[in-house]
PDB file of N, CA and C in Angstrom:
ATOM      1  N   UNK A   1     -25.813  35.384  24.479  1.00  0.00           N
ATOM      2  CA  UNK A   1     -24.469  35.796  24.577  1.00  0.00           C
ATOM      3  C   UNK A   1     -23.446  34.927  24.550  1.00  0.00           C
ATOM      4  N   UNK A   2     -22.616  34.812  23.385  1.00  0.00           N
ATOM      5  CA  UNK A   2     -21.721  34.057  23.372  1.00  0.00           C
ATOM      6  C   UNK A   2     -20.177  34.842  23.072  1.00  0.00           C
ATOM      7  N   UNK A   3     -19.048  34.408  24.183  1.00  0.00           N
ATOM      8  CA  UNK A   3     -17.625  34.963  24.220  1.00  0.00           C
ATOM      9  C   UNK A   3     -16.724  34.064  23.882  1.00  0.00           C
ATOM     10  N   UNK A   4     -15.820  34.449  22.739  1.00  0.00           N
ATOM     11  CA  UNK A   4     -15.130  33.335  22.371  1.00  0.00           C
ATOM     12  C   UNK A   4     -13.607  34.337  22.126  1.00  0.00           C
ATOM     13  N   UNK A   5     -12.537  33.367  22.825  1.00  0.00           N
ATOM     14  CA  UNK A   5     -11.155  33.958  23.142  1.00  0.00           C
ATOM     15  C   UNK A   5     -10.586  32.872  21.996  1.00  0.00           C
ATOM     16  N   UNK A   6      -9.374  33.413  21.791  1.00  0.00           N
ATOM     17  CA  UNK A   6      -9.058  32.653  20.904  1.00  0.00           C
ATOM     18  C   UNK A   6      -7.243  33.455  19.864  1.00  0.00           C
ATOM     19  N   UNK A   7      -6.747  32.201  19.871  1.00  0.00           N
ATOM     20  CA  UNK A   7      -5.276  32.850  19.414  1.00  0.00           C
ATOM     21  C   UNK A   7      -4.664  31.997  18.097  1.00  0.00           C
ATOM     22  N   UNK A   8      -4.404  32.551  17.683  1.00  0.00           N
ATOM     23  CA  UNK A   8      -3.757  32.051  15.727  1.00  0.00           C
ATOM     24  C   UNK A   8      -2.183  32.267  15.683  1.00  0.00           C
ATOM     25  N   UNK A   9      -1.631  31.404  14.863  1.00  0.00           N
ATOM     26  CA  UNK A   9      -0.335  31.344  14.555  1.00  0.00           C
ATOM     27  C   UNK A   9      -0.732  31.008  12.886  1.00  0.00           C
ATOM     28  N   UNK A  10      -0.163  32.196  12.026  1.00  0.00           N
ATOM     29  CA  UNK A  10      -0.574  31.605  10.795  1.00  0.00           C
ATOM     30  C   UNK A  10      -2.330  31.923  10.827  1.00  0.00           C
ATOM     31  N   UNK A  11      -2.773  30.974   9.856  1.00  0.00           N
ATOM     32  CA  UNK A  11      -3.995  30.587   9.874  1.00  0.00           C
ATOM     33  C   UNK A  11      -4.684  29.344  10.801  1.00  0.00           C
ATOM     34  N   UNK A  12      -3.576  28.955  11.599  1.00  0.00           N
ATOM     35  CA  UNK A  12      -4.602  28.318  12.276  1.00  0.00           C
ATOM     36  C   UNK A  12      -4.507  28.346  14.161  1.00  0.00           C
ATOM     37  N   UNK A  13      -5.682  27.828  14.527  1.00  0.00           N
ATOM     38  CA  UNK A  13      -6.401  28.104  15.934  1.00  0.00           C
ATOM     39  C   UNK A  13      -5.068  27.432  16.542  1.00  0.00           C
ATOM     40  N   UNK A  14      -4.606  28.292  17.714  1.00  0.00           N
ATOM     41  CA  UNK A  14      -3.766  27.344  18.845  1.00  0.00           C
ATOM     42  C   UNK A  14      -4.322  27.501  20.172  1.00  0.00           C
ATOM     43  N   UNK A  15      -5.401  28.606  20.378  1.00  0.00           N
ATOM     44  CA  UNK A  15      -6.124  28.639  21.717  1.00  0.00           C
ATOM     45  C   UNK A  15      -7.138  29.001  21.497  1.00  0.00           C
ATOM     46  N   UNK A  16      -8.111  28.233  22.444  1.00  0.00           N
ATOM     47  CA  UNK A  16      -9.631  28.605  21.874  1.00  0.00           C
ATOM     48  C   UNK A  16     -10.618  28.385  23.390  1.00  0.00           C
ATOM     49  N   UNK A  17     -11.829  28.917  23.801  1.00  0.00           N
ATOM     50  CA  UNK A  17     -12.101  28.556  24.645  1.00  0.00           C
ATOM     51  C   UNK A  17     -13.397  29.583  24.470  1.00  0.00           C
ATOM     52  N   UNK A  18     -14.345  29.079  24.699  1.00  0.00           N
ATOM     53  CA  UNK A  18     -15.835  29.486  24.315  1.00  0.00           C
ATOM     54  C   UNK A  18     -16.599  29.622  25.699  1.00  0.00           C
ATOM     55  N   UNK A  19     -17.476  30.518  26.553  1.00  0.00           N
ATOM     56  CA  UNK A  19     -18.100  31.049  27.227  1.00  0.00           C
ATOM     57  C   UNK A  19     -18.992  31.774  26.735  1.00  0.00           C
ATOM     58  N   UNK A  20     -20.062  32.061  27.837  1.00  0.00           N
ATOM     59  CA  UNK A  20     -21.078  32.641  27.703  1.00  0.00           C
ATOM     60  C   UNK A  20     -22.842  31.830  28.296  1.00  0.00           C
ATOM     61  N   UNK A  21     -23.767  32.668  27.758  1.00  0.00           N
ATOM     62  CA  UNK A  21     -24.955  32.027  28.233  1.00  0.00           C
ATOM     63  C   UNK A  21     -25.749  30.941  27.096  1.00  0.00           C
ATOM     64  N   UNK A  22     -25.268  29.645  27.488  1.00  0.00           N
ATOM     65  CA  UNK A  22     -25.706  28.777  26.564  1.00  0.00           C
ATOM     66  C   UNK A  22     -26.025  27.369  27.223  1.00  0.00           C
ATOM     67  N   UNK A  23     -26.693  26.721  26.672  1.00  0.00           N
ATOM     68  CA  UNK A  23     -26.442  24.515  27.289  1.00  0.00           C
ATOM     69  C   UNK A  23     -25.778  23.748  26.581  1.00  0.00           C
ATOM     70  N   UNK A  24     -25.178  23.174  27.060  1.00  0.00           N
ATOM     71  CA  UNK A  24     -24.206  22.256  26.255  1.00  0.00           C
ATOM     72  C   UNK A  24     -24.733  20.776  26.878  1.00  0.00           C
ATOM     73  N   UNK A  25     -24.613  19.885  26.057  1.00  0.00           N
ATOM     74  CA  UNK A  25     -25.091  18.293  26.826  1.00  0.00           C
ATOM     75  C   UNK A  25     -24.464  17.331  25.895  1.00  0.00           C
ATOM     76  N   UNK A  26     -23.714  16.786  26.249  1.00  0.00           N
ATOM     77  CA  UNK A  26     -23.687  16.619  28.067  1.00  0.00           C
ATOM     78  C   UNK A  26     -22.248  17.509  28.256  1.00  0.00           C
ATOM     79  N   UNK A  27     -22.427  18.157  29.625  1.00  0.00           N
ATOM     80  CA  UNK A  27     -21.641  19.345  30.114  1.00  0.00           C
ATOM     81  C   UNK A  27     -20.531  19.526  29.367  1.00  0.00           C
ATOM     82  N   UNK A  28     -19.387  18.746  29.319  1.00  0.00           N
ATOM     83  CA  UNK A  28     -18.292  18.648  29.213  1.00  0.00           C
ATOM     84  C   UNK A  28     -17.749  18.615  27.487  1.00  0.00           C
ATOM     85  N   UNK A  29     -18.844  18.787  26.800  1.00  0.00           N
ATOM     86  CA  UNK A  29     -18.847  18.712  25.202  1.00  0.00           C
ATOM     87  C   UNK A  29     -18.242  20.005  24.960  1.00  0.00           C
ATOM     88  N   UNK A  30     -18.579  20.990  25.697  1.00  0.00           N
ATOM     89  CA  UNK A  30     -17.662  22.347  25.141  1.00  0.00           C
ATOM     90  C   UNK A  30     -16.419  21.949  25.174  1.00  0.00           C
ATOM     91  N   UNK A  31     -15.705  21.482  26.154  1.00  0.00           N
ATOM     92  CA  UNK A  31     -14.306  21.593  26.589  1.00  0.00           C
ATOM     93  C   UNK A  31     -13.843  20.413  25.041  1.00  0.00           C
ATOM     94  N   UNK A  32     -14.363  19.538  24.836  1.00  0.00           N
ATOM     95  CA  UNK A  32     -13.984  18.404  24.096  1.00  0.00           C
ATOM     96  C   UNK A  32     -13.814  19.242  22.530  1.00  0.00           C
ATOM     97  N   UNK A  33     -14.949  20.112  22.391  1.00  0.00           N
ATOM     98  CA  UNK A  33     -15.116  21.091  21.060  1.00  0.00           C
ATOM     99  C   UNK A  33     -13.935  21.879  21.052  1.00  0.00           C
ATOM    100  N   UNK A  34     -13.938  22.500  22.133  1.00  0.00           N
ATOM    101  CA  UNK A  34     -12.153  23.377  22.827  1.00  0.00           C
ATOM    102  C   UNK A  34     -11.243  22.679  21.821  1.00  0.00           C
ATOM    103  N   UNK A  35     -10.969  21.954  22.265  1.00  0.00           N
ATOM    104  CA  UNK A  35      -9.728  21.155  22.258  1.00  0.00           C
ATOM    105  C   UNK A  35      -9.545  20.343  20.488  1.00  0.00           C
ATOM    106  N   UNK A  36     -10.937  20.199  20.284  1.00  0.00           N
ATOM    107  CA  UNK A  36     -10.921  19.818  18.716  1.00  0.00           C
ATOM    108  C   UNK A  36     -10.812  20.564  17.811  1.00  0.00           C
ATOM    109  N   UNK A  37     -10.738  21.813  18.121  1.00  0.00           N
ATOM    110  CA  UNK A  37     -10.678  22.935  17.038  1.00  0.00           C
ATOM    111  C   UNK A  37      -9.217  23.327  16.548  1.00  0.00           C
ATOM    112  N   UNK A  38      -8.251  23.065  18.222  1.00  0.00           N
ATOM    113  CA  UNK A  38      -7.032  23.460  17.936  1.00  0.00           C
ATOM    114  C   UNK A  38      -6.277  22.459  16.948  1.00  0.00           C
ATOM    115  N   UNK A  39      -5.279  23.675  16.008  1.00  0.00           N
ATOM    116  CA  UNK A  39      -4.824  23.394  14.709  1.00  0.00           C
ATOM    117  C   UNK A  39      -5.800  23.336  13.783  1.00  0.00           C
ATOM    118  N   UNK A  40      -7.172  23.927  13.619  1.00  0.00           N
ATOM    119  CA  UNK A  40      -7.930  23.795  12.742  1.00  0.00           C
ATOM    120  C   UNK A  40      -7.996  25.471  12.164  1.00  0.00           C
ATOM    121  N   UNK A  41      -7.792  25.231  10.500  1.00  0.00           N
ATOM    122  CA  UNK A  41      -7.752  26.692   9.944  1.00  0.00           C
ATOM    123  C   UNK A  41      -9.029  27.648  10.577  1.00  0.00           C
ATOM    124  N   UNK A  42      -9.105  28.870  10.517  1.00  0.00           N
ATOM    125  CA  UNK A  42     -10.686  29.261  10.586  1.00  0.00           C
ATOM    126  C   UNK A  42     -11.281  29.515  10.214  1.00  0.00           C
ATOM    127  N   UNK A  43     -10.961  28.988   8.718  1.00  0.00           N
ATOM    128  CA  UNK A  43     -11.955  28.898   7.758  1.00  0.00           C
ATOM    129  C   UNK A  43     -12.437  27.602   7.378  1.00  0.00           C
ATOM    130  N   UNK A  44     -12.060  26.571   8.724  1.00  0.00           N
ATOM    131  CA  UNK A  44     -12.757  25.550   8.272  1.00  0.00           C
ATOM    132  C   UNK A  44     -13.217  25.292  10.027  1.00  0.00           C
ATOM    133  N   UNK A  45     -13.821  26.172  10.767  1.00  0.00           N
ATOM    134  CA  UNK A  45     -13.969  26.197  11.989  1.00  0.00           C
ATOM    135  C   UNK A  45     -15.635  25.929  12.009  1.00  0.00           C
ATOM    136  N   UNK A  46     -16.253  26.344  11.141  1.00  0.00           N
ATOM    137  CA  UNK A  46     -17.600  25.747  11.185  1.00  0.00           C
ATOM    138  C   UNK A  46     -17.838  24.411  11.201  1.00  0.00           C
ATOM    139  N   UNK A  47     -17.354  24.046  10.101  1.00  0.00           N
ATOM    140  CA  UNK A  47     -17.389  22.613   9.425  1.00  0.00           C
ATOM    141  C   UNK A  47     -16.422  21.870  10.517  1.00  0.00           C
ATOM    142  N   UNK A  48     -15.569  21.795  11.164  1.00  0.00           N
ATOM    143  CA  UNK A  48     -15.344  21.284  12.153  1.00  0.00           C
ATOM    144  C   UNK A  48     -15.743  21.044  13.433  1.00  0.00           C
ATOM    145  N   UNK A  49     -16.400  22.194  13.989  1.00  0.00           N
ATOM    146  CA  UNK A  49     -17.742  22.017  15.320  1.00  0.00           C
ATOM    147  C   UNK A  49     -18.379  21.404  15.004  1.00  0.00           C
ATOM    148  N   UNK A  50     -18.881  21.179  13.747  1.00  0.00           N
ATOM    149  CA  UNK A  50     -20.314  21.037  13.477  1.00  0.00           C
ATOM    150  C   UNK A  50     -19.863  18.939  13.432  1.00  0.00           C
ATOM    151  N   UNK A  51     -18.766  18.802  12.575  1.00  0.00           N
ATOM    152  CA  UNK A  51     -18.563  17.513  12.544  1.00  0.00           C
ATOM    153  C   UNK A  51     -18.596  17.006  13.890  1.00  0.00           C
ATOM    154  N   UNK A  52     -17.561  17.648  15.014  1.00  0.00           N
ATOM    155  CA  UNK A  52     -17.697  17.040  16.346  1.00  0.00           C
ATOM    156  C   UNK A  52     -19.315  16.909  17.023  1.00  0.00           C
ATOM    157  N   UNK A  53     -19.743  17.631  17.037  1.00  0.00           N
ATOM    158  CA  UNK A  53     -21.123  17.765  17.391  1.00  0.00           C
ATOM    159  C   UNK A  53     -21.911  16.528  16.903  1.00  0.00           C
ATOM    160  N   UNK A  54     -21.841  16.349  15.443  1.00  0.00           N
ATOM    161  CA  UNK A  54     -22.943  15.094  15.041  1.00  0.00           C
ATOM    162  C   UNK A  54     -21.827  13.813  15.472  1.00  0.00           C
ATOM    163  N   UNK A  55     -20.669  13.914  15.157  1.00  0.00           N
ATOM    164  CA  UNK A  55     -20.322  12.775  15.895  1.00  0.00           C
ATOM    165  C   UNK A  55     -20.316  12.098  17.002  1.00  0.00           C
ATOM    166  N   UNK A  56     -20.611  12.807  17.690  1.00  0.00           N
ATOM    167  CA  UNK A  56     -20.660  12.441  19.611  1.00  0.00           C
ATOM    168  C   UNK A  56     -22.231  12.756  20.092  1.00  0.00           C
ATOM    169  N   UNK A  57     -23.075  13.197  18.936  1.00  0.00           N
ATOM    170  CA  UNK A  57     -24.499  13.656  19.182  1.00  0.00           C
ATOM    171  C   UNK A  57     -24.348  14.738  20.805  1.00  0.00           C
ATOM    172  N   UNK A  58     -23.360  15.828  20.544  1.00  0.00           N
ATOM    173  CA  UNK A  58     -23.659  16.665  21.651  1.00  0.00           C
ATOM    174  C   UNK A  58     -24.782  17.591  20.917  1.00  0.00           C
ATOM    175  N   UNK A  59     -25.232  18.473  22.091  1.00  0.00           N
ATOM    176  CA  UNK A  59     -26.565  19.065  21.938  1.00  0.00           C
ATOM    177  C   UNK A  59     -25.845  20.434  22.534  1.00  0.00           C
ATOM    178  N   UNK A  60     -25.888  21.663  21.759  1.00  0.00           N
ATOM    179  CA  UNK A  60     -25.629  23.184  22.366  1.00  0.00           C
ATOM    180  C   UNK A  60     -27.059  24.058  21.756  1.00  0.00           C
ATOM    181  N   UNK A  61     -28.017  24.256  22.662  1.00  0.00           N
ATOM    182  CA  UNK A  61     -28.560  25.286  22.992  1.00  0.00           C
ATOM    183  C   UNK A  61     -27.983  26.939  23.074  1.00  0.00           C
ATOM    184  N   UNK A  62     -28.344  27.754  21.895  1.00  0.00           N
ATOM    185  CA  UNK A  62     -27.552  29.297  22.684  1.00  0.00           C
ATOM    186  C   UNK A  62     -26.705  29.696  21.693  1.00  0.00           C
ATOM    187  N   UNK A  63     -26.046  28.680  20.753  1.00  0.00           N
ATOM    188  CA  UNK A  63     -25.307  29.405  19.495  1.00  0.00           C
ATOM    189  C   UNK A  63     -24.989  28.146  18.665  1.00  0.00           C
ATOM    190  N   UNK A  64     -24.657  28.616  17.313  1.00  0.00           N
ATOM    191  CA  UNK A  64     -24.635  27.606  16.516  1.00  0.00           C
ATOM    192  C   UNK A  64     -22.999  27.710  15.916  1.00  0.00           C
ATOM    193  N   UNK A  65     -22.230  26.538  15.212  1.00  0.00           N
ATOM    194  CA  UNK A  65     -21.153  26.563  14.747  1.00  0.00           C
ATOM    195  C   UNK A  65     -20.723  27.884  13.902  1.00  0.00           C
ATOM    196  N   UNK A  66     -22.282  28.161  13.196  1.00  0.00           N
ATOM    197  CA  UNK A  66     -21.849  29.426  12.154  1.00  0.00           C
ATOM    198  C   UNK A  66     -22.073  30.496  13.196  1.00  0.00           C
ATOM    199  N   UNK A  67     -22.594  30.773  14.402  1.00  0.00           N
ATOM    200  CA  UNK A  67     -22.298  31.664  15.122  1.00  0.00           C
ATOM    201  C   UNK A  67     -20.760  31.833  15.583  1.00  0.00           C
ATOM    202  N   UNK A  68     -20.176  31.119  15.785  1.00  0.00           N
ATOM    203  CA  UNK A  68     -18.664  31.258  16.331  1.00  0.00           C
ATOM    204  C   UNK A  68     -17.895  31.588  15.096  1.00  0.00           C
ATOM    205  N   UNK A  69     -17.914  31.174  13.738  1.00  0.00           N
ATOM    206  CA  UNK A  69     -17.426  31.146  12.737  1.00  0.00           C
ATOM    207  C   UNK A  69     -17.517  33.205  12.196  1.00  0.00           C
ATOM    208  N   UNK A  70     -18.475  33.483  12.566  1.00  0.00           N
ATOM    209  CA  UNK A  70     -18.673  34.607  12.229  1.00  0.00           C
ATOM    210  C   UNK A  70     -18.125  35.657  13.172  1.00  0.00           C
ATOM    211  N   UNK A  71     -18.000  35.587  14.368  1.00  0.00           N
ATOM    212  CA  UNK A  71     -17.602  36.141  15.541  1.00  0.00           C
ATOM    213  C   UNK A  71     -15.856  35.929  15.104  1.00  0.00           C
ATOM    214  N   UNK A  72     -15.365  35.383  15.034  1.00  0.00           N
ATOM    215  CA  UNK A  72     -13.966  34.706  14.186  1.00  0.00           C
ATOM    216  C   UNK A  72     -13.697  35.433  13.308  1.00  0.00           C
ATOM    217  N   UNK A  73     -14.387  35.471  12.109  1.00  0.00           N
ATOM    218  CA  UNK A  73     -14.121  36.124  10.757  1.00  0.00           C
ATOM    219  C   UNK A  73     -14.180  37.669  11.175  1.00  0.00           C
ATOM    220  N   UNK A  74     -15.478  38.077  12.088  1.00  0.00           N
ATOM    221  CA  UNK A  74     -15.288  39.547  12.326  1.00  0.00           C
ATOM    222  C   UNK A  74     -14.038  40.264  13.189  1.00  0.00           C
ATOM    223  N   UNK A  75     -13.723  39.504  14.013  1.00  0.00           N
ATOM    224  CA  UNK A  75     -12.558  39.765  14.315  1.00  0.00           C
ATOM    225  C   UNK A  75     -11.196  40.097  13.652  1.00  0.00           C
ATOM    226  N   UNK A  76     -11.225  39.401  12.313  1.00  0.00           N
ATOM    227  CA  UNK A  76     -10.298  39.133  11.884  1.00  0.00           C
ATOM    228  C   UNK A  76      -9.753  40.328  10.852  1.00  0.00           C
ATOM    229  N   UNK A  77     -11.212  40.667  10.587  1.00  0.00           N
ATOM    230  CA  UNK A  77     -11.170  41.900   9.268  1.00  0.00           C
ATOM    231  C   UNK A  77     -11.137  43.071   9.806  1.00  0.00           C
TER     232      UNK A  77
END
């Protein structure tokens, strides 16, 4: 299960927190992703997360960038 806490100002993310039942390597990569999406447009979230994962060789098991995008888009609608 994945929980996303977030806030928007206009169409940009101003607060972002991931929690739930997943594994991340290295452990601190979640915090790096959370910081890295601040200021991102919701429509660009998936791409931003995927770039961060690839650029830093981060590994996450239990959710994907697409899952996060769907959660936020579902909350907005």
